[in-house]
Protein backbone atom coordinates (compact mmCIF):
# COMPACT_ATOMS: atom_id res chain seq x y z
CA MET A 1 0.00 0.00 0.00
CA PRO A 2 1.16 3.54 -0.61
CA ASN A 3 2.47 5.53 2.32
CA PHE A 4 0.24 8.53 1.65
CA PRO A 5 -3.55 8.88 1.92
CA ILE A 6 -5.70 8.34 -1.13
CA ASP A 7 -9.27 9.62 -1.17
CA PHE A 8 -11.74 8.03 -3.55
CA ASP A 9 -15.24 9.19 -4.16
CA PHE A 10 -16.92 5.77 -4.55
CA PRO A 11 -19.88 4.41 -2.57
CA PRO A 12 -18.54 1.83 -0.06
CA ASP A 13 -20.99 -0.88 -1.17
CA ARG A 14 -19.97 -0.72 -4.86
CA PHE A 15 -17.42 -3.09 -6.47
CA ILE A 16 -14.77 -0.98 -8.18
CA PRO A 17 -13.32 -2.40 -11.40
CA GLU A 18 -9.64 -1.68 -11.96
CA GLU A 19 -10.36 0.42 -15.05
CA ASP A 20 -12.45 2.79 -12.88
CA LEU A 21 -9.87 2.91 -10.10
CA ILE A 22 -6.59 3.39 -11.96
CA PRO A 23 -7.36 6.75 -13.65
CA GLN A 24 -8.03 8.23 -10.20
CA LEU A 25 -4.79 7.04 -8.60
CA PRO A 26 -2.13 9.72 -8.12
CA ARG A 27 0.49 9.73 -10.87
CA GLU A 28 3.19 9.26 -8.24
CA LEU A 29 1.70 5.90 -7.26
CA LEU A 30 1.61 4.75 -10.90
CA ARG A 31 5.26 5.76 -11.30
CA ARG A 32 6.29 3.72 -8.25
CA ALA A 33 5.10 0.36 -9.57
CA THR A 34 7.00 -2.67 -8.34
CA LEU A 35 9.15 -4.84 -10.58
CA LYS A 36 8.29 -8.55 -10.33
CA GLN A 37 11.46 -10.63 -10.80
CA THR A 38 11.78 -14.40 -11.13
CA LEU A 39 14.93 -16.34 -11.98
CA GLU A 40 14.74 -19.95 -13.13
CA THR A 41 16.99 -22.48 -14.77
CA GLY A 42 15.84 -23.70 -18.14
CA ARG A 43 17.10 -24.71 -21.54
CA VAL A 44 17.48 -22.63 -24.68
CA ARG A 45 17.90 -23.68 -28.28
CA GLY A 46 18.30 -21.68 -31.47
CA PHE A 47 15.55 -21.84 -34.08
CA SER A 48 17.82 -22.62 -37.04
CA ALA A 49 17.51 -26.25 -38.14
CA LEU A 50 20.43 -25.68 -40.54
CA LEU A 51 22.84 -25.06 -37.68
CA ASN A 52 21.65 -28.14 -35.79
CA GLU A 53 22.05 -26.31 -32.49
CA SER A 54 21.80 -28.31 -29.30
CA CYS A 55 19.90 -27.38 -26.16
CA GLU A 56 21.96 -25.56 -23.57
CA ARG A 57 21.33 -24.85 -19.90
CA SER A 58 20.53 -21.22 -19.19
CA ASP A 59 19.30 -19.08 -16.34
CA ILE A 60 16.23 -17.19 -17.48
CA LEU A 61 15.06 -13.95 -15.90
CA HIS A 62 11.35 -13.08 -16.03
CA LEU A 63 10.45 -9.42 -15.38
CA ALA A 64 7.05 -7.73 -15.28
CA SER A 65 5.89 -4.30 -14.20
CA MET A 66 4.06 -1.15 -15.17
CA GLY A 67 5.65 1.67 -17.15
CA TYR A 68 4.68 5.28 -17.65
CA SER A 69 5.59 7.31 -20.73
CA ASP A 70 7.24 10.70 -20.36
CA GLY A 71 6.29 13.97 -22.07
CA ASP A 72 7.73 12.70 -25.37
CA GLY A 73 5.84 9.39 -25.23
CA ARG A 74 9.00 7.46 -24.31
CA TRP A 75 10.02 5.15 -21.46
CA ALA A 76 13.36 3.55 -20.58
CA LEU A 77 14.66 1.34 -17.78
CA LYS A 78 18.28 0.33 -17.15
CA LEU A 79 17.94 -3.12 -15.63
CA ARG A 80 21.09 -3.12 -13.49
CA THR A 81 19.66 -0.27 -11.43
CA VAL A 82 16.64 -2.31 -10.29
CA LEU A 83 17.58 -6.00 -10.33
CA CYS A 84 17.73 -8.16 -7.21
CA TYR A 85 20.20 -10.56 -8.90
CA ASP A 86 23.91 -10.21 -9.65
CA ILE A 87 23.93 -10.65 -13.44
CA ALA A 88 27.24 -11.07 -15.28
CA SER A 89 25.74 -10.86 -18.77
CA PHE A 90 22.41 -10.68 -20.59
CA GLY A 91 21.22 -12.56 -23.67
CA MET A 92 18.68 -11.32 -26.21
CA PRO A 93 15.49 -10.22 -24.42
CA CYS A 94 11.91 -10.77 -25.53
CA ILE A 95 9.71 -7.80 -24.54
CA VAL A 96 5.93 -7.32 -24.75
CA ALA A 97 3.99 -4.19 -23.72
CA THR A 98 0.26 -3.49 -23.56
CA PRO A 99 -1.55 -0.19 -22.94
CA THR A 100 -3.16 -0.25 -19.49
CA MET A 101 -6.00 2.05 -20.40
CA ALA A 102 -6.55 4.14 -23.43
CA GLU A 103 -9.53 6.05 -24.68
CA ASN A 104 -7.98 6.13 -28.16
CA PRO A 105 -5.78 3.61 -30.00
CA VAL A 106 -2.16 3.47 -28.81
CA VAL A 107 0.74 1.84 -30.65
CA ILE A 108 3.60 0.69 -28.42
CA SER A 109 6.99 -0.09 -29.94
CA VAL A 110 9.42 -1.85 -27.62
CA GLY A 111 13.17 -2.28 -27.94
CA PHE A 112 16.38 -2.68 -26.04
CA THR A 113 20.01 -1.63 -26.01
CA LEU A 114 22.77 -3.91 -24.79
CA SER A 115 25.94 -1.92 -24.32
CA GLY A 116 29.24 -1.49 -22.55
CA MET A 117 31.72 -3.76 -20.88
CA ASP A 118 29.36 -4.24 -17.94
CA GLN A 119 26.65 -5.41 -20.36
CA GLU A 120 24.02 -2.85 -19.37
CA LEU A 121 20.60 -3.83 -20.71
CA GLU A 122 18.19 -0.96 -21.22
CA LEU A 123 14.56 -1.67 -22.10
CA THR A 124 12.73 1.01 -24.09
CA ALA A 125 9.20 1.76 -25.23
CA SER A 126 7.67 4.42 -27.41
CA LEU A 127 3.94 5.14 -27.18
CA ARG A 128 2.33 6.77 -30.22
CA THR A 129 -1.06 7.38 -31.75
CA PRO A 130 -1.70 5.61 -35.08
CA ASP A 131 -0.73 8.85 -36.89
CA GLY A 132 2.62 9.01 -35.02
CA ALA A 133 1.99 11.65 -32.35
CA PRO A 134 3.48 10.85 -28.92
CA VAL A 135 1.15 9.59 -26.20
CA ARG A 136 2.23 11.52 -23.13
CA GLU A 137 2.09 10.29 -19.52
CA ALA A 138 0.36 7.03 -20.42
CA PRO A 139 0.55 3.90 -18.24
CA PHE A 140 1.24 0.47 -19.74
CA HIS A 141 2.16 -3.02 -18.56
CA TRP A 142 5.27 -4.79 -19.82
CA HIS A 143 6.83 -8.23 -19.57
CA CYS A 144 10.37 -9.28 -20.45
CA VAL A 145 12.08 -12.67 -20.59
CA VAL A 146 15.88 -12.69 -20.99
CA PRO A 147 18.56 -15.41 -20.73
CA VAL A 148 21.23 -14.36 -18.22
CA THR A 149 24.57 -15.50 -16.84
CA LEU A 150 24.86 -15.06 -13.09
CA ARG A 151 28.03 -13.59 -11.61
CA LEU A 152 29.90 -16.23 -9.65
CA ILE A 153 31.06 -15.04 -6.26
């Protein structure tokens, strides 16, 4: 729960669907969404039948949270700043994002940058209208799955 009071103007005997509740939450609460993190051991294999790749053991990081576009319709998150795990390197991530609520159509383009010697992985999203105008201060949910190598201590 947030550490500040929130006043809602709903009758106490009425069920409140999330879509009615979220637009009335303070923007600060939406910006402080938690990052769900799960690490599991699995197997990965390339898709190319021509290369006859074998299955290899891999640690796989699952991440999910809520994002919020800025005034230019953009969002970015450097993963090392928020992870609970000590990651040595990242593989290629798979990212999906969905508008949380939108009165008009929203197109979300997701991407990533993997850079530097410390292998910083930055997730990005751009929220636009179908005609290309930025969608400012819009909430969305995102999910990312990425193979990782843990740092051995």
